[in-house]
């Protein structure tokens, strides 16, 4: 009995490590690109740029969110900060959606682990989901509900990654984006954002790999096929976007950490739209729903859950229809969830190259006061003695 349990645990762990090795270079590349963008895009004027829920504000919120590339917890904290400083509530929600679902690292990992079609679906489905969410919130967030949300937000209850959300280390000068990125200050800022981003999501990445390894190794393929009605094309398309977010809610995994689990679900038979809805659902996992309760009160938190779930599921249905009509839904289900052995191939070579790049950034981070900033990252801004955390 003990032997069988040990073997099962080892199989799950090996599967998780295999997926981790396969996506390591893509994770590092994604975080480097994300850090470069964050280093030249300032958060300072976000509240002033998002005064209402009009088309221009929503487009600005989505662009800023995609550029900020936060973990789910930091995105939610920053959205509340925007709202407390006078930004529009709906625009702030659009910002947090874009900050976790329209980011480069997510697209790269999707392409490596599942397929380029899912990356395309992310960048097409994300704006669709945001548009649906905006339309629903415009009707649902009455003046009375906005007042309730604002009063609750003003109480300043702490969630997670508050310090990370408050930090703005971007390089502020009049030079071009390339000039700022290549300057000594820009290199320092990139190294700091790179480590901060890793520090904010590594738990979710590890959890995602472990949960995916366990489900991939222990759950029979027949269970997934039955759950997702894999042998009924219409039934699978109908239940996929409804079940996908529910699996995300109880998995507790957010940010890019849910991509390995998406690969397991895809191999198990969930519909294409179901995978998309699952990926988008990182903002309604149980810990984040509890943070909404702390930030805005339980009534607004419940409303946000209903609106977000509906927008995610609807976006999944629309993507299923669009990609089905254009023939872009993959016909094979061979997402990468395991490699036989680590061998000398392109994955190994890319991992070596990007590990070396990561070590350079870590060296710069350690030499430029990074550890002190890292300690502040999880500390609420009010406890940091009034420091504004700008990069100097």
Protein backbone atom coordinates (compact mmCIF):
# COMPACT_ATOMS: atom_id res chain seq x y z
CA UNK A 1 0.00 0.00 0.00
CA UNK A 2 2.75 2.45 1.03
CA UNK A 3 4.74 1.44 -2.06
CA UNK A 4 1.77 2.19 -4.35
CA UNK A 5 1.21 5.58 -2.72
CA UNK A 6 4.89 6.44 -3.10
CA UNK A 7 4.85 5.47 -6.77
CA UNK A 8 1.73 7.57 -7.36
CA UNK A 9 3.29 10.60 -5.65
CA UNK A 10 6.50 10.20 -7.64
CA UNK A 11 4.56 9.96 -10.91
CA UNK A 12 2.69 13.17 -10.12
CA UNK A 13 5.89 14.96 -9.09
CA UNK A 14 7.77 13.81 -12.21
CA UNK A 15 4.90 14.96 -14.41
CA UNK A 16 4.92 18.37 -12.71
CA UNK A 17 8.71 18.69 -13.08
CA UNK A 18 8.47 17.66 -16.72
CA UNK A 19 5.96 20.40 -17.47
CA UNK A 20 8.06 22.89 -15.52
CA UNK A 21 11.18 22.08 -17.55
CA UNK A 22 9.28 22.34 -20.81
CA UNK A 23 7.95 25.85 -20.09
CA UNK A 24 10.92 27.27 -18.15
CA UNK A 25 12.47 29.21 -21.04
CA UNK A 26 9.07 30.55 -22.07
CA UNK A 27 8.37 31.76 -18.53
CA UNK A 28 11.71 33.58 -18.35
CA UNK A 29 11.23 35.12 -21.80
CA UNK A 30 7.70 36.22 -20.94
CA UNK A 31 8.80 37.85 -17.69
CA UNK A 32 11.74 39.60 -19.38
CA UNK A 33 9.47 41.10 -22.05
CA UNK A 34 6.86 41.99 -19.44
CA UNK A 35 9.51 43.62 -17.23
CA UNK A 36 10.83 45.66 -20.16
CA UNK A 37 7.35 47.05 -20.82
CA UNK A 38 6.74 47.78 -17.15
CA UNK A 39 10.06 49.59 -16.92
CA UNK A 40 8.99 52.21 -19.46
CA UNK A 41 5.26 52.51 -18.64
CA UNK A 42 4.34 54.52 -15.57
CA UNK A 43 1.42 53.77 -13.25
CA UNK A 44 1.37 57.28 -11.86
CA UNK A 45 -1.45 58.83 -13.89
CA UNK A 46 -3.74 55.81 -14.22
CA UNK A 47 -6.57 57.24 -12.12
CA UNK A 48 -6.63 60.44 -14.16
CA UNK A 49 -6.63 58.47 -17.42
CA UNK A 50 -9.69 56.41 -16.37
CA UNK A 51 -12.36 58.98 -15.46
CA UNK A 52 -15.37 57.07 -16.82
CA UNK A 53 -16.55 53.86 -18.48
CA UNK A 54 -16.47 55.29 -21.99
CA UNK A 55 -14.82 53.57 -24.92
CA UNK A 56 -11.64 55.65 -24.65
CA UNK A 57 -11.22 54.94 -20.93
CA UNK A 58 -11.85 51.22 -21.37
CA UNK A 59 -9.33 51.05 -24.24
CA UNK A 60 -6.80 52.94 -22.10
CA UNK A 61 -7.47 50.68 -19.11
CA UNK A 62 -6.98 47.57 -21.25
CA UNK A 63 -3.73 48.90 -22.74
CA UNK A 64 -2.34 49.91 -19.35
CA UNK A 65 -3.40 46.59 -17.86
CA UNK A 66 -1.69 44.57 -20.58
CA UNK A 67 1.46 46.68 -20.10
CA UNK A 68 1.45 46.38 -16.31
CA UNK A 69 1.37 42.58 -16.46
CA UNK A 70 0.62 41.95 -12.79
CA UNK A 71 -0.12 38.77 -10.93
CA UNK A 72 -3.82 38.37 -10.17
CA UNK A 73 -3.51 39.55 -6.55
CA UNK A 74 -1.49 42.65 -7.44
CA UNK A 75 -3.86 43.45 -10.33
CA UNK A 76 -6.87 43.34 -8.00
CA UNK A 77 -5.07 45.52 -5.43
CA UNK A 78 -4.02 48.05 -8.08
CA UNK A 79 -7.58 48.19 -9.48
CA UNK A 80 -8.88 49.14 -6.03
CA UNK A 81 -6.15 51.77 -5.73
CA UNK A 82 -7.25 53.29 -9.06
CA UNK A 83 -10.87 53.34 -7.88
CA UNK A 84 -9.98 54.91 -4.50
CA UNK A 85 -7.99 57.65 -6.23
CA UNK A 86 -10.93 58.71 -8.38
CA UNK A 87 -10.78 56.34 -11.32
CA UNK A 88 -13.97 54.81 -12.68
CA UNK A 89 -14.96 51.48 -11.10
CA UNK A 90 -15.77 49.72 -14.38
CA UNK A 91 -12.57 50.99 -16.02
CA UNK A 92 -10.61 49.72 -13.00
CA UNK A 93 -12.17 46.27 -13.45
CA UNK A 94 -11.24 46.35 -17.15
CA UNK A 95 -7.69 47.18 -16.12
CA UNK A 96 -7.42 44.18 -13.79
CA UNK A 97 -8.85 41.83 -16.43
CA UNK A 98 -6.30 43.00 -19.01
CA UNK A 99 -3.49 42.89 -16.46
CA UNK A 100 -3.84 39.12 -16.07
CA UNK A 101 -5.38 37.97 -19.36
CA UNK A 102 -3.78 40.10 -22.09
CA UNK A 103 -0.16 39.68 -21.09
CA UNK A 104 2.80 38.41 -23.10
CA UNK A 105 3.94 35.68 -20.70
CA UNK A 106 0.51 34.02 -20.71
CA UNK A 107 0.42 33.97 -24.52
CA UNK A 108 3.92 32.51 -24.77
CA UNK A 109 3.21 29.72 -22.27
CA UNK A 110 -0.07 28.87 -24.02
CA UNK A 111 1.72 28.57 -27.36
CA UNK A 112 4.46 26.34 -25.94
CA UNK A 113 2.27 24.08 -23.82
CA UNK A 114 -1.02 23.81 -25.75
CA UNK A 115 -0.74 25.52 -29.14
CA UNK A 116 -0.67 28.86 -30.93
CA UNK A 117 -4.43 28.70 -31.47
CA UNK A 118 -4.94 29.20 -27.73
CA UNK A 119 -2.64 32.21 -27.74
CA UNK A 120 -4.70 33.71 -30.56
CA UNK A 121 -7.87 32.90 -28.63
CA UNK A 122 -6.46 34.71 -25.58
CA UNK A 123 -5.80 37.93 -27.46
CA UNK A 124 -9.13 37.82 -29.32
CA UNK A 125 -11.24 36.51 -26.46
CA UNK A 126 -9.74 38.84 -23.85
CA UNK A 127 -11.12 42.06 -25.39
CA UNK A 128 -14.44 40.30 -26.01
CA UNK A 129 -14.64 39.30 -22.34
CA UNK A 130 -13.74 42.83 -21.21
CA UNK A 131 -16.40 44.33 -23.50
CA UNK A 132 -19.06 41.98 -22.13
CA UNK A 133 -18.00 42.70 -18.56
CA UNK A 134 -18.15 46.47 -19.18
CA UNK A 135 -21.65 46.27 -20.68
CA UNK A 136 -22.94 44.29 -17.70
CA UNK A 137 -21.25 46.46 -15.07
CA UNK A 138 -22.60 49.65 -16.64
CA UNK A 139 -26.10 48.37 -15.90
CA UNK A 140 -25.40 46.57 -12.65
CA UNK A 141 -23.31 49.20 -10.84
CA UNK A 142 -25.96 51.74 -9.92
CA UNK A 143 -25.01 54.96 -8.10
CA UNK A 144 -26.02 53.38 -4.82
CA UNK A 145 -23.85 50.32 -5.44
CA UNK A 146 -20.94 52.51 -6.52
CA UNK A 147 -21.25 54.43 -3.25
CA UNK A 148 -21.26 51.19 -1.27
CA UNK A 149 -18.19 49.97 -3.16
CA UNK A 150 -16.36 53.26 -2.67
CA UNK A 151 -17.15 53.40 1.06
CA UNK A 152 -15.93 49.84 1.52
CA UNK A 153 -12.79 50.46 -0.57
CA UNK A 154 -12.01 53.55 1.51
CA UNK A 155 -11.75 51.38 4.63
CA UNK A 156 -8.43 50.14 3.30
CA UNK A 157 -8.73 46.48 4.26
CA UNK A 158 -5.64 44.63 3.10
CA UNK A 159 -5.62 41.81 0.57
CA UNK A 160 -2.43 40.36 -0.91
CA UNK A 161 0.48 41.98 -2.76
CA UNK A 162 -0.54 45.48 -1.67
CA UNK A 163 3.02 46.73 -1.65
CA UNK A 164 3.69 45.30 -5.12
CA UNK A 165 0.62 47.06 -6.48
CA UNK A 166 1.76 50.40 -5.05
CA UNK A 167 5.29 50.26 -6.41
CA UNK A 168 6.14 52.26 -9.52
CA UNK A 169 9.73 51.68 -10.61
CA UNK A 170 9.28 52.76 -14.23
CA UNK A 171 11.88 55.06 -15.78
CA UNK A 172 10.46 58.55 -16.24
CA UNK A 173 12.24 60.77 -18.77
CA UNK A 174 11.58 62.22 -22.19
CA UNK A 175 13.66 59.74 -24.13
CA UNK A 176 12.31 57.08 -26.46
CA UNK A 177 11.14 53.75 -25.12
CA UNK A 178 14.30 52.06 -26.45
CA UNK A 179 16.54 54.73 -24.89
CA UNK A 180 14.84 54.34 -21.52
CA UNK A 181 15.02 50.54 -21.66
CA UNK A 182 18.74 50.51 -22.55
CA UNK A 183 19.77 53.15 -20.01
CA UNK A 184 21.44 52.10 -16.72
CA UNK A 185 18.27 53.05 -14.84
CA UNK A 186 16.21 51.10 -17.34
CA UNK A 187 18.33 47.97 -16.91
CA UNK A 188 18.01 48.26 -13.13
CA UNK A 189 14.25 48.74 -13.38
CA UNK A 190 13.93 45.71 -15.69
CA UNK A 191 15.88 43.55 -13.23
CA UNK A 192 13.68 44.70 -10.34
CA UNK A 193 10.43 44.09 -12.19
CA UNK A 194 11.71 40.69 -13.32
CA UNK A 195 12.35 39.52 -9.76
CA UNK A 196 9.19 41.17 -8.38
CA UNK A 197 7.07 39.43 -11.00
CA UNK A 198 8.62 36.06 -10.21
CA UNK A 199 8.21 36.64 -6.49
CA UNK A 200 4.53 37.45 -6.93
CA UNK A 201 3.58 34.39 -8.97
CA UNK A 202 6.02 31.61 -8.14
CA UNK A 203 3.62 30.07 -5.62
CA UNK A 204 0.87 29.96 -8.24
CA UNK A 205 3.23 28.47 -10.82
CA UNK A 206 4.41 25.74 -8.44
CA UNK A 207 0.85 25.02 -7.28
CA UNK A 208 -0.33 24.91 -10.87
CA UNK A 209 2.37 22.43 -11.84
CA UNK A 210 1.77 20.23 -8.77
CA UNK A 211 -2.02 20.21 -9.17
CA UNK A 212 -1.68 19.53 -12.91
CA UNK A 213 0.80 16.76 -12.24
CA UNK A 214 -1.52 15.15 -9.70
CA UNK A 215 -4.59 15.38 -11.93
CA UNK A 216 -2.67 14.23 -14.99
CA UNK A 217 -1.19 11.23 -13.16
CA UNK A 218 -4.11 10.20 -10.94
CA UNK A 219 -7.38 11.09 -12.65
CA UNK A 220 -8.46 8.57 -15.29
CA UNK A 221 -8.89 9.89 -18.81
CA UNK A 222 -12.41 8.46 -18.82
CA UNK A 223 -13.43 10.75 -15.93
CA UNK A 224 -12.50 13.90 -17.84
CA UNK A 225 -14.24 12.65 -20.97
CA UNK A 226 -17.43 11.97 -19.03
CA UNK A 227 -17.29 15.31 -17.18
CA UNK A 228 -16.80 17.31 -20.36
CA UNK A 229 -19.10 15.18 -22.56
CA UNK A 230 -16.13 14.67 -24.84
CA UNK A 231 -17.94 12.18 -27.09
CA UNK A 232 -20.82 14.59 -27.77
CA UNK A 233 -19.63 17.49 -29.88
CA UNK A 234 -22.57 19.80 -29.19
CA UNK A 235 -22.84 18.81 -25.53
CA UNK A 236 -19.11 19.39 -25.04
CA UNK A 237 -19.32 22.84 -26.62
CA UNK A 238 -22.26 23.73 -24.36
CA UNK A 239 -20.88 22.56 -21.01
CA UNK A 240 -17.20 23.47 -21.52
CA UNK A 241 -17.41 27.25 -20.91
CA UNK A 242 -19.68 26.63 -17.91
CA UNK A 243 -17.51 23.99 -16.22
CA UNK A 244 -14.13 25.56 -17.06
CA UNK A 245 -14.46 28.55 -14.69
CA UNK A 246 -15.85 26.31 -11.92
CA UNK A 247 -12.73 24.12 -12.10
CA UNK A 248 -10.61 27.29 -11.91
CA UNK A 249 -12.50 28.54 -8.84
CA UNK A 250 -11.69 25.48 -6.74
CA UNK A 251 -8.16 24.97 -8.09
CA UNK A 252 -6.91 28.11 -6.27
CA UNK A 253 -4.39 28.70 -9.09
CA UNK A 254 -4.14 32.03 -10.90
CA UNK A 255 -1.91 33.93 -13.31
CA UNK A 256 0.22 31.76 -15.63
CA UNK A 257 0.06 28.93 -13.10
CA UNK A 258 -3.25 27.73 -14.53
CA UNK A 259 -1.87 27.00 -18.01
CA UNK A 260 -0.46 23.53 -17.12
CA UNK A 261 -3.86 22.58 -15.71
CA UNK A 262 -5.48 23.91 -18.90
CA UNK A 263 -3.27 21.48 -20.84
CA UNK A 264 -4.50 18.59 -18.69
CA UNK A 265 -8.13 19.63 -19.20
CA UNK A 266 -7.65 19.98 -22.96
CA UNK A 267 -6.15 16.49 -23.20
CA UNK A 268 -9.03 15.27 -21.05
CA UNK A 269 -11.68 16.45 -23.51
CA UNK A 270 -12.86 19.92 -22.47
CA UNK A 271 -14.01 22.08 -25.38
CA UNK A 272 -11.85 24.80 -26.92
CA UNK A 273 -14.14 27.47 -25.50
CA UNK A 274 -14.00 25.71 -22.13
CA UNK A 275 -10.20 26.07 -22.04
CA UNK A 276 -10.51 29.77 -22.87
CA UNK A 277 -13.09 30.33 -20.11
CA UNK A 278 -10.92 28.39 -17.66
CA UNK A 279 -7.84 30.52 -18.47
CA UNK A 280 -9.84 33.73 -18.02
CA UNK A 281 -11.24 32.62 -14.65
CA UNK A 282 -8.12 33.39 -12.61
CA UNK A 283 -9.91 36.46 -11.23
CA UNK A 284 -12.70 34.48 -9.57
CA UNK A 285 -10.73 31.85 -7.67
CA UNK A 286 -11.79 31.50 -4.04
CA UNK A 287 -8.96 33.54 -2.42
CA UNK A 288 -9.59 36.46 -4.79
CA UNK A 289 -13.35 36.32 -4.21
CA UNK A 290 -12.55 36.74 -0.52
CA UNK A 291 -10.39 39.77 -1.36
CA UNK A 292 -13.32 41.32 -3.29
CA UNK A 293 -15.35 40.88 -0.10
CA UNK A 294 -12.69 42.71 1.91
CA UNK A 295 -12.33 45.47 -0.67
CA UNK A 296 -15.95 46.18 -1.66
CA UNK A 297 -18.22 44.29 0.74
CA UNK A 298 -19.93 40.95 0.24
CA UNK A 299 -22.83 42.27 -1.86
CA UNK A 300 -20.57 43.87 -4.46
CA UNK A 301 -18.29 40.82 -4.32
CA UNK A 302 -21.27 38.58 -5.13
CA UNK A 303 -22.28 40.86 -7.99
CA UNK A 304 -18.72 40.84 -9.37
CA UNK A 305 -18.66 37.05 -9.25
CA UNK A 306 -21.88 36.77 -11.25
CA UNK A 307 -20.81 39.38 -13.83
CA UNK A 308 -17.28 38.01 -14.21
CA UNK A 309 -18.44 34.40 -14.50
CA UNK A 310 -21.04 35.35 -17.11
CA UNK A 311 -18.48 37.35 -19.13
CA UNK A 312 -15.93 34.52 -19.01
CA UNK A 313 -18.43 31.85 -20.04
CA UNK A 314 -19.92 34.04 -22.79
CA UNK A 315 -16.46 34.83 -24.17
CA UNK A 316 -15.75 31.08 -24.23
CA UNK A 317 -18.91 30.45 -26.27
CA UNK A 318 -18.07 33.25 -28.71
CA UNK A 319 -14.52 31.98 -29.21
CA UNK A 320 -15.80 28.43 -29.69
CA UNK A 321 -18.15 29.69 -32.41
CA UNK A 322 -15.62 32.00 -34.13
CA UNK A 323 -12.78 29.50 -34.16
CA UNK A 324 -15.12 26.67 -35.13
CA UNK A 325 -16.41 28.61 -38.13
CA UNK A 326 -12.88 29.46 -39.27
CA UNK A 327 -11.49 25.95 -38.71
CA UNK A 328 -8.92 27.11 -36.14
CA UNK A 329 -9.88 24.68 -33.37
CA UNK A 330 -7.14 22.00 -33.15
CA UNK A 331 -8.34 18.55 -34.13
CA UNK A 332 -5.71 16.74 -32.04
CA UNK A 333 -5.42 16.80 -28.26
CA UNK A 334 -1.72 16.40 -27.65
CA UNK A 335 -0.92 19.26 -25.30
CA UNK A 336 2.49 18.95 -23.68
CA UNK A 337 2.09 17.55 -20.18
CA UNK A 338 5.16 15.31 -20.02
CA UNK A 339 8.49 14.63 -21.69
CA UNK A 340 10.13 11.23 -21.52
CA UNK A 341 13.58 12.42 -20.46
CA UNK A 342 15.55 15.64 -20.48
CA UNK A 343 17.60 15.43 -23.66
CA UNK A 344 19.77 17.73 -25.75
CA UNK A 345 17.08 19.42 -27.83
CA UNK A 346 15.81 22.93 -28.51
CA UNK A 347 14.03 23.08 -25.14
CA UNK A 348 17.25 22.33 -23.27
CA UNK A 349 19.23 24.86 -25.32
CA UNK A 350 16.63 27.57 -24.82
CA UNK A 351 16.47 26.84 -21.09
CA UNK A 352 20.25 27.26 -20.80
CA UNK A 353 20.20 30.56 -22.72
CA UNK A 354 17.35 32.07 -20.72
CA UNK A 355 18.60 30.78 -17.36
CA UNK A 356 21.83 32.64 -18.13
CA UNK A 357 19.83 35.79 -18.93
CA UNK A 358 17.88 35.38 -15.69
CA UNK A 359 21.13 35.07 -13.71
CA UNK A 360 22.34 38.37 -15.17
CA UNK A 361 19.12 40.08 -14.06
CA UNK A 362 19.35 38.47 -10.62
CA UNK A 363 22.93 39.78 -10.29
CA UNK A 364 21.79 43.30 -11.21
CA UNK A 365 18.86 43.03 -8.80
CA UNK A 366 21.14 42.04 -5.92
CA UNK A 367 23.60 44.84 -6.66
CA UNK A 368 20.99 47.62 -6.87
CA UNK A 369 19.04 47.44 -3.62
CA UNK A 370 16.59 44.84 -4.86
CA UNK A 371 16.34 42.72 -1.70
CA UNK A 372 15.11 45.71 0.33
CA UNK A 373 12.39 46.42 -2.23
CA UNK A 374 11.44 42.77 -2.29
CA UNK A 375 10.81 42.87 1.45
CA UNK A 376 8.48 45.82 0.93
CA UNK A 377 6.53 44.12 -1.84
CA UNK A 378 4.11 42.24 0.41
CA UNK A 379 3.92 45.05 2.95
CA UNK A 380 0.87 47.34 2.80
CA UNK A 381 1.85 50.82 1.53
CA UNK A 382 0.61 52.45 4.76
CA UNK A 383 3.23 50.49 6.71
CA UNK A 384 6.13 51.57 4.54
CA UNK A 385 6.53 54.92 6.29
CA UNK A 386 5.19 56.96 3.45
CA UNK A 387 7.75 55.91 0.89
CA UNK A 388 6.39 56.19 -2.64
CA UNK A 389 8.50 53.27 -3.98
CA UNK A 390 9.60 55.08 -7.10
CA UNK A 391 12.75 53.74 -8.67
CA UNK A 392 15.72 56.10 -8.43
